[in-house]
Amino acid sequence: MDKTLVILTGPQGSGNHLWSKIFSLHEDVFGWKSLLDNYWEAHRISEPFAKYWKNPELLDEFDWSQSEYFFTSVSVPLGIKELGTIRRPNIMQFAKKVESLGIKVRICVVGRDQNILRHQQTRLRGESTVRYFLDQLSGFYKPVFLSYELLYLYKEEYLKSLDIGMPIAWYERDKITKILELDANNKYISYIKDSPLDDCNRTGVPSPWNPNIEEPMKPKDRDHAYDEEGTGCCGGWSDPNDKRNFKTEISTGNIVGDVGVGNTAYVKTEEEKWVTYE
């Protein structure tokens, strides 16, 4: 039987630890077993392949006789920039080294709601770090995409549907229930009493435009360049950050199309033009 290594990767905070527990449950899988006994562990200290992510050439020394199925997890990037601990694994460099040893490789990409990722990363990392992962994503060969939300919604039925090249212990229902007992997404969700689309649902009347969005507000035509409402000398709103300049979501007041995941152009500095693990 050919041996297989499954690489789980994704942006920081997208559920690597959660999925690592799920995939390490099966007795035939060489995975992050110690994580099953703890809620959280540091990747750099206890993930079985941590030292090999730092130097993939050391994989020549790894004992591949331990199992037929292997699992490793790593986010891109690792660490926190302001603490000087940020690291950027090169996924394909690692995968090609493993393949050179005669081991099959499957790459799984974990995802989570883009707004939650932005909030979580900004709180802990000081900025959204998704762009670092997106730099590498297009280079992956036929990755399997995994959903944090679908795992919580459908649990073992979702796990049954996955074909990742190694066995999954979907039948360990009690252990899976324990792993999923607290949905970390919940703390980011706020209830709204009503939404503009509610009336469409109640009445069945079609809406040719998105009723949830308020379009940018144009200043009124005036016979002078400046007034107390905040218009500038050129006739627009003088403050470029004035929300009246943007499309906004009526229910939340958030700007539609504001800085998010994958929808804002970003130019890397020379410092950030890395290609290998640092």
Protein backbone atom coordinates (compact mmCIF):
# COMPACT_ATOMS: atom_id res chain seq x y z
CA MET A 1 0.00 0.00 0.00
CA ASP A 2 1.27 3.46 -0.88
CA LYS A 3 1.85 5.73 2.09
CA THR A 4 0.02 9.08 2.20
CA LEU A 5 0.66 12.36 3.97
CA VAL A 6 -2.24 14.80 4.29
CA ILE A 7 -1.25 18.45 4.73
CA LEU A 8 -3.88 20.66 6.35
CA THR A 9 -3.26 24.35 5.79
CA GLY A 10 -5.08 27.65 5.65
CA PRO A 11 -5.06 31.21 6.99
CA GLN A 12 -4.35 31.82 10.67
CA GLY A 13 -7.43 31.32 12.81
CA SER A 14 -9.37 29.30 10.23
CA GLY A 15 -9.64 26.14 12.33
CA ASN A 16 -6.32 24.28 11.98
CA HIS A 17 -6.37 23.07 15.59
CA LEU A 18 -10.01 22.02 15.34
CA TRP A 19 -9.50 20.00 12.16
CA SER A 20 -6.25 18.57 13.51
CA LYS A 21 -8.20 16.99 16.35
CA ILE A 22 -10.80 15.56 13.97
CA PHE A 23 -8.22 14.05 11.59
CA SER A 24 -6.03 12.71 14.40
CA LEU A 25 -8.89 10.69 15.92
CA HIS A 26 -8.44 7.67 13.66
CA GLU A 27 -6.19 5.02 15.20
CA ASP A 28 -4.46 4.29 11.88
CA VAL A 29 -3.44 7.91 11.32
CA PHE A 30 -0.09 9.25 12.55
CA GLY A 31 -1.25 12.73 13.52
CA TRP A 32 -1.26 15.34 16.25
CA LYS A 33 -2.35 12.88 18.96
CA SER A 34 -1.27 15.00 21.96
CA LEU A 35 -3.74 17.70 20.88
CA LEU A 36 -6.58 15.26 21.64
CA ASP A 37 -5.69 15.59 25.34
CA ASN A 38 -5.52 19.39 25.37
CA TYR A 39 -7.77 22.16 24.11
CA TRP A 40 -4.82 23.99 22.52
CA GLU A 41 -1.10 23.46 21.98
CA ALA A 42 1.58 25.52 20.27
CA HIS A 43 2.40 24.24 16.79
CA ARG A 44 6.09 25.02 17.13
CA ILE A 45 6.35 22.87 20.26
CA SER A 46 4.16 19.80 19.85
CA GLU A 47 2.98 19.34 16.25
CA PRO A 48 4.76 16.13 15.12
CA PHE A 49 6.18 17.67 11.93
CA ALA A 50 7.02 21.10 13.41
CA LYS A 51 10.80 20.79 13.03
CA TYR A 52 10.42 19.49 9.47
CA TRP A 53 8.39 22.55 8.50
CA LYS A 54 11.37 24.63 9.63
CA ASN A 55 13.72 22.54 7.49
CA PRO A 56 12.04 20.13 5.02
CA GLU A 57 15.40 18.52 4.21
CA LEU A 58 15.21 16.82 7.61
CA LEU A 59 12.32 14.72 6.27
CA ASP A 60 15.01 12.30 5.03
CA GLU A 61 15.45 11.36 8.70
CA PHE A 62 11.76 10.86 9.50
CA ASP A 63 10.62 7.29 10.31
CA TRP A 64 7.97 6.60 7.67
CA SER A 65 7.54 3.01 8.89
CA GLN A 66 5.30 4.17 11.74
CA SER A 67 2.09 4.15 9.69
CA GLU A 68 0.51 4.09 6.24
CA TYR A 69 -1.26 7.41 6.84
CA PHE A 70 0.32 10.61 8.13
CA PHE A 71 -1.21 13.98 8.93
CA THR A 72 0.34 17.40 9.50
CA SER A 73 -1.16 20.82 10.05
CA VAL A 74 0.31 24.27 9.51
CA SER A 75 -1.16 27.74 8.99
CA VAL A 76 0.28 30.43 6.75
CA PRO A 77 1.76 32.43 8.31
CA LEU A 78 2.66 31.14 11.78
CA GLY A 79 3.29 33.37 14.79
CA ILE A 80 2.81 37.07 15.42
CA LYS A 81 4.71 39.73 13.48
CA GLU A 82 4.98 42.29 16.30
CA LEU A 83 6.53 39.66 18.59
CA GLY A 84 9.08 38.72 15.95
CA THR A 85 7.79 35.13 15.84
CA ILE A 86 6.12 35.17 12.43
CA ARG A 87 7.06 32.30 10.13
CA ARG A 88 5.92 31.59 6.58
CA PRO A 89 5.90 27.91 5.60
CA ASN A 90 6.36 27.09 1.93
CA ILE A 91 3.68 24.43 1.45
CA MET A 92 4.75 23.15 -1.96
CA GLN A 93 8.42 23.02 -0.99
CA PHE A 94 7.47 20.72 1.89
CA ALA A 95 5.06 18.66 -0.28
CA LYS A 96 7.61 18.11 -3.06
CA LYS A 97 10.21 16.96 -0.55
CA VAL A 98 7.76 14.40 0.83
CA GLU A 99 6.87 13.21 -2.68
CA SER A 100 10.56 12.77 -3.47
CA LEU A 101 10.61 10.15 -0.71
CA GLY A 102 7.90 8.13 -2.43
CA ILE A 103 5.03 9.37 -0.22
CA LYS A 104 1.76 10.54 -1.75
CA VAL A 105 0.64 14.02 -0.69
CA ARG A 106 -2.87 15.45 -0.42
CA ILE A 107 -3.40 19.11 0.49
CA CYS A 108 -6.50 20.20 2.40
CA VAL A 109 -7.36 23.89 2.66
CA VAL A 110 -9.47 24.95 5.61
CA GLY A 111 -11.68 28.02 5.39
CA ARG A 112 -13.80 30.14 7.71
CA ASP A 113 -16.08 33.17 7.34
CA GLN A 114 -13.99 36.00 5.91
CA ASN A 115 -15.36 38.63 8.29
CA ILE A 116 -14.61 36.50 11.35
CA LEU A 117 -11.11 35.82 10.05
CA ARG A 118 -10.49 39.53 9.62
CA HIS A 119 -11.68 40.34 13.14
CA GLN A 120 -9.77 37.46 14.75
CA GLN A 121 -6.51 38.17 12.95
CA THR A 122 -6.68 41.92 13.58
CA ARG A 123 -7.28 41.34 17.29
CA LEU A 124 -4.44 38.87 17.74
CA ARG A 125 -2.03 39.67 14.89
CA GLY A 126 -2.65 43.40 14.50
CA GLU A 127 -3.66 43.00 10.84
CA SER A 128 -5.43 40.70 8.41
CA THR A 129 -2.90 38.02 7.40
CA VAL A 130 -4.97 36.15 4.79
CA ARG A 131 -2.98 37.67 1.94
CA TYR A 132 0.07 35.65 3.01
CA PHE A 133 -1.87 32.42 2.47
CA LEU A 134 -3.44 33.57 -0.79
CA ASP A 135 0.04 34.12 -2.22
CA GLN A 136 0.57 30.34 -2.17
CA LEU A 137 -2.93 28.97 -2.77
CA SER A 138 -2.83 29.04 -6.58
CA GLY A 139 0.25 26.80 -6.54
CA PHE A 140 -1.49 23.89 -4.79
CA TYR A 141 -2.37 20.83 -6.88
CA LYS A 142 -6.07 19.89 -6.65
CA PRO A 143 -6.55 20.82 -2.97
CA VAL A 144 -9.58 19.65 -1.00
CA PHE A 145 -11.42 22.62 0.53
CA LEU A 146 -12.79 22.18 4.05
CA SER A 147 -15.41 24.38 5.72
CA TYR A 148 -15.38 25.29 9.41
CA GLU A 149 -19.08 26.15 9.23
CA LEU A 150 -20.14 22.93 7.45
CA LEU A 151 -18.29 20.86 10.06
CA TYR A 152 -20.36 22.43 12.84
CA LEU A 153 -23.59 22.27 10.88
CA TYR A 154 -23.48 18.69 9.57
CA LYS A 155 -20.84 17.05 11.80
CA GLU A 156 -20.28 13.36 10.98
CA GLU A 157 -22.43 13.51 7.84
CA TYR A 158 -20.03 16.10 6.44
CA LEU A 159 -17.02 14.03 7.50
CA LYS A 160 -18.46 10.98 5.70
CA SER A 161 -18.50 12.94 2.44
CA LEU A 162 -14.80 13.83 2.51
CA ASP A 163 -12.26 11.97 0.39
CA ILE A 164 -8.81 13.17 1.50
CA GLY A 165 -6.70 10.05 1.00
CA MET A 166 -6.75 8.80 4.59
CA PRO A 167 -9.41 7.34 6.92
CA ILE A 168 -11.55 9.68 9.03
CA ALA A 169 -13.08 8.55 12.33
CA TRP A 170 -16.53 10.04 11.60
CA TYR A 171 -18.10 7.33 13.78
CA GLU A 172 -16.44 8.67 16.94
CA ARG A 173 -19.58 10.69 17.63
CA ASP A 174 -19.02 11.28 21.35
CA LYS A 175 -15.48 12.54 20.81
CA ILE A 176 -16.52 14.70 17.87
CA THR A 177 -19.38 16.18 19.92
CA LYS A 178 -16.88 17.05 22.67
CA ILE A 179 -14.49 18.65 20.16
CA LEU A 180 -17.33 20.71 18.68
CA GLU A 181 -19.05 21.62 21.96
CA LEU A 182 -18.22 25.33 21.66
CA ASP A 183 -18.53 27.10 18.32
CA ALA A 184 -15.91 29.87 18.38
CA ASN A 185 -17.84 31.72 15.67
CA ASN A 186 -20.66 32.48 18.10
CA LYS A 187 -18.80 35.26 19.91
CA TYR A 188 -18.50 37.20 16.66
CA ILE A 189 -22.21 37.05 15.84
CA SER A 190 -24.71 39.74 16.91
CA TYR A 191 -28.47 39.38 16.55
CA ILE A 192 -30.33 41.95 14.45
CA LYS A 193 -34.04 42.59 15.05
CA ASP A 194 -34.89 43.12 11.41
CA SER A 195 -33.40 43.32 7.94
CA PRO A 196 -34.63 45.24 4.87
CA LEU A 197 -34.99 41.95 2.99
CA ASP A 198 -37.50 40.68 5.56
CA ASP A 199 -40.39 42.48 3.85
CA CYS A 200 -39.56 40.80 0.53
CA ASN A 201 -39.70 37.39 2.21
CA ARG A 202 -42.99 38.17 3.91
CA THR A 203 -44.74 39.62 0.85
CA GLY A 204 -43.11 37.66 -1.98
CA VAL A 205 -42.67 40.90 -3.94
CA PRO A 206 -39.44 40.77 -6.02
CA SER A 207 -36.78 43.41 -5.51
CA PRO A 208 -34.72 44.48 -8.54
CA TRP A 209 -31.98 45.82 -6.24
CA ASN A 210 -30.43 44.65 -2.98
CA PRO A 211 -32.57 46.25 -0.25
CA ASN A 212 -29.83 45.62 2.32
CA ILE A 213 -27.54 48.19 0.71
CA GLU A 214 -27.73 51.96 0.90
CA GLU A 215 -26.02 53.61 -2.06
CA PRO A 216 -23.50 56.45 -1.65
CA MET A 217 -25.20 59.75 -0.85
CA LYS A 218 -24.59 62.64 -3.23
CA PRO A 219 -24.46 66.14 -1.75
CA LYS A 220 -27.29 68.42 -2.77
CA ASP A 221 -26.70 70.94 -5.53
CA ARG A 222 -25.82 74.24 -3.93
CA ASP A 223 -24.85 77.73 -4.99
CA HIS A 224 -21.78 77.68 -2.71
CA ALA A 225 -18.87 75.31 -2.27
CA TYR A 226 -19.01 74.64 1.46
CA ASP A 227 -21.74 74.22 4.04
CA GLU A 228 -22.38 72.92 7.53
CA GLU A 229 -23.24 69.37 6.32
CA GLY A 230 -19.61 68.60 5.57
CA THR A 231 -19.27 69.14 1.84
CA GLY A 232 -15.84 70.18 0.64
CA CYS A 233 -14.62 72.80 -1.77
CA CYS A 234 -15.02 70.40 -4.70
CA GLY A 235 -18.65 69.63 -4.00
CA GLY A 236 -18.17 66.16 -2.42
CA TRP A 237 -18.06 65.13 1.22
CA SER A 238 -14.93 66.73 2.64
CA ASP A 239 -13.99 63.76 4.85
CA PRO A 240 -12.86 60.89 2.56
CA ASN A 241 -13.87 58.44 5.32
CA ASP A 242 -17.40 59.82 5.58
CA LYS A 243 -19.68 56.78 5.20
CA ARG A 244 -21.90 58.79 2.88
CA ASN A 245 -19.15 58.30 0.28
CA PHE A 246 -19.63 54.52 0.28
CA LYS A 247 -22.17 51.79 -0.16
CA THR A 248 -23.24 50.68 3.32
CA GLU A 249 -25.17 47.77 4.77
CA ILE A 250 -28.33 49.21 6.29
CA SER A 251 -28.62 46.74 9.18
CA THR A 252 -25.05 47.14 10.46
CA GLY A 253 -23.83 50.41 9.02
CA ASN A 254 -20.74 48.60 7.70
CA ILE A 255 -19.17 49.69 4.45
CA VAL A 256 -19.83 47.20 1.65
CA GLY A 257 -16.61 46.17 -0.09
CA ASP A 258 -14.43 47.53 2.70
CA VAL A 259 -11.10 45.83 3.49
CA GLY A 260 -11.86 42.13 3.61
CA VAL A 261 -10.49 38.79 2.48
CA GLY A 262 -9.30 38.71 -1.09
CA ASN A 263 -11.22 41.77 -2.25
CA THR A 264 -8.69 44.52 -1.69
CA ALA A 265 -5.59 45.12 -3.77
CA TYR A 266 -2.42 44.87 -1.74
CA VAL A 267 1.16 45.59 -2.76
CA LYS A 268 3.78 43.66 -0.83
CA THR A 269 6.79 45.47 0.55
CA GLU A 270 10.27 44.16 -0.15
CA GLU A 271 10.30 42.70 3.35
CA GLU A 272 7.22 40.59 2.56
CA LYS A 273 8.37 39.14 -0.76
CA TRP A 274 9.29 35.80 0.74
CA VAL A 275 8.99 32.38 -0.83
CA THR A 276 10.38 30.00 1.78
CA TYR A 277 9.96 29.27 5.45
CA GLU A 278 11.83 31.79 7.59
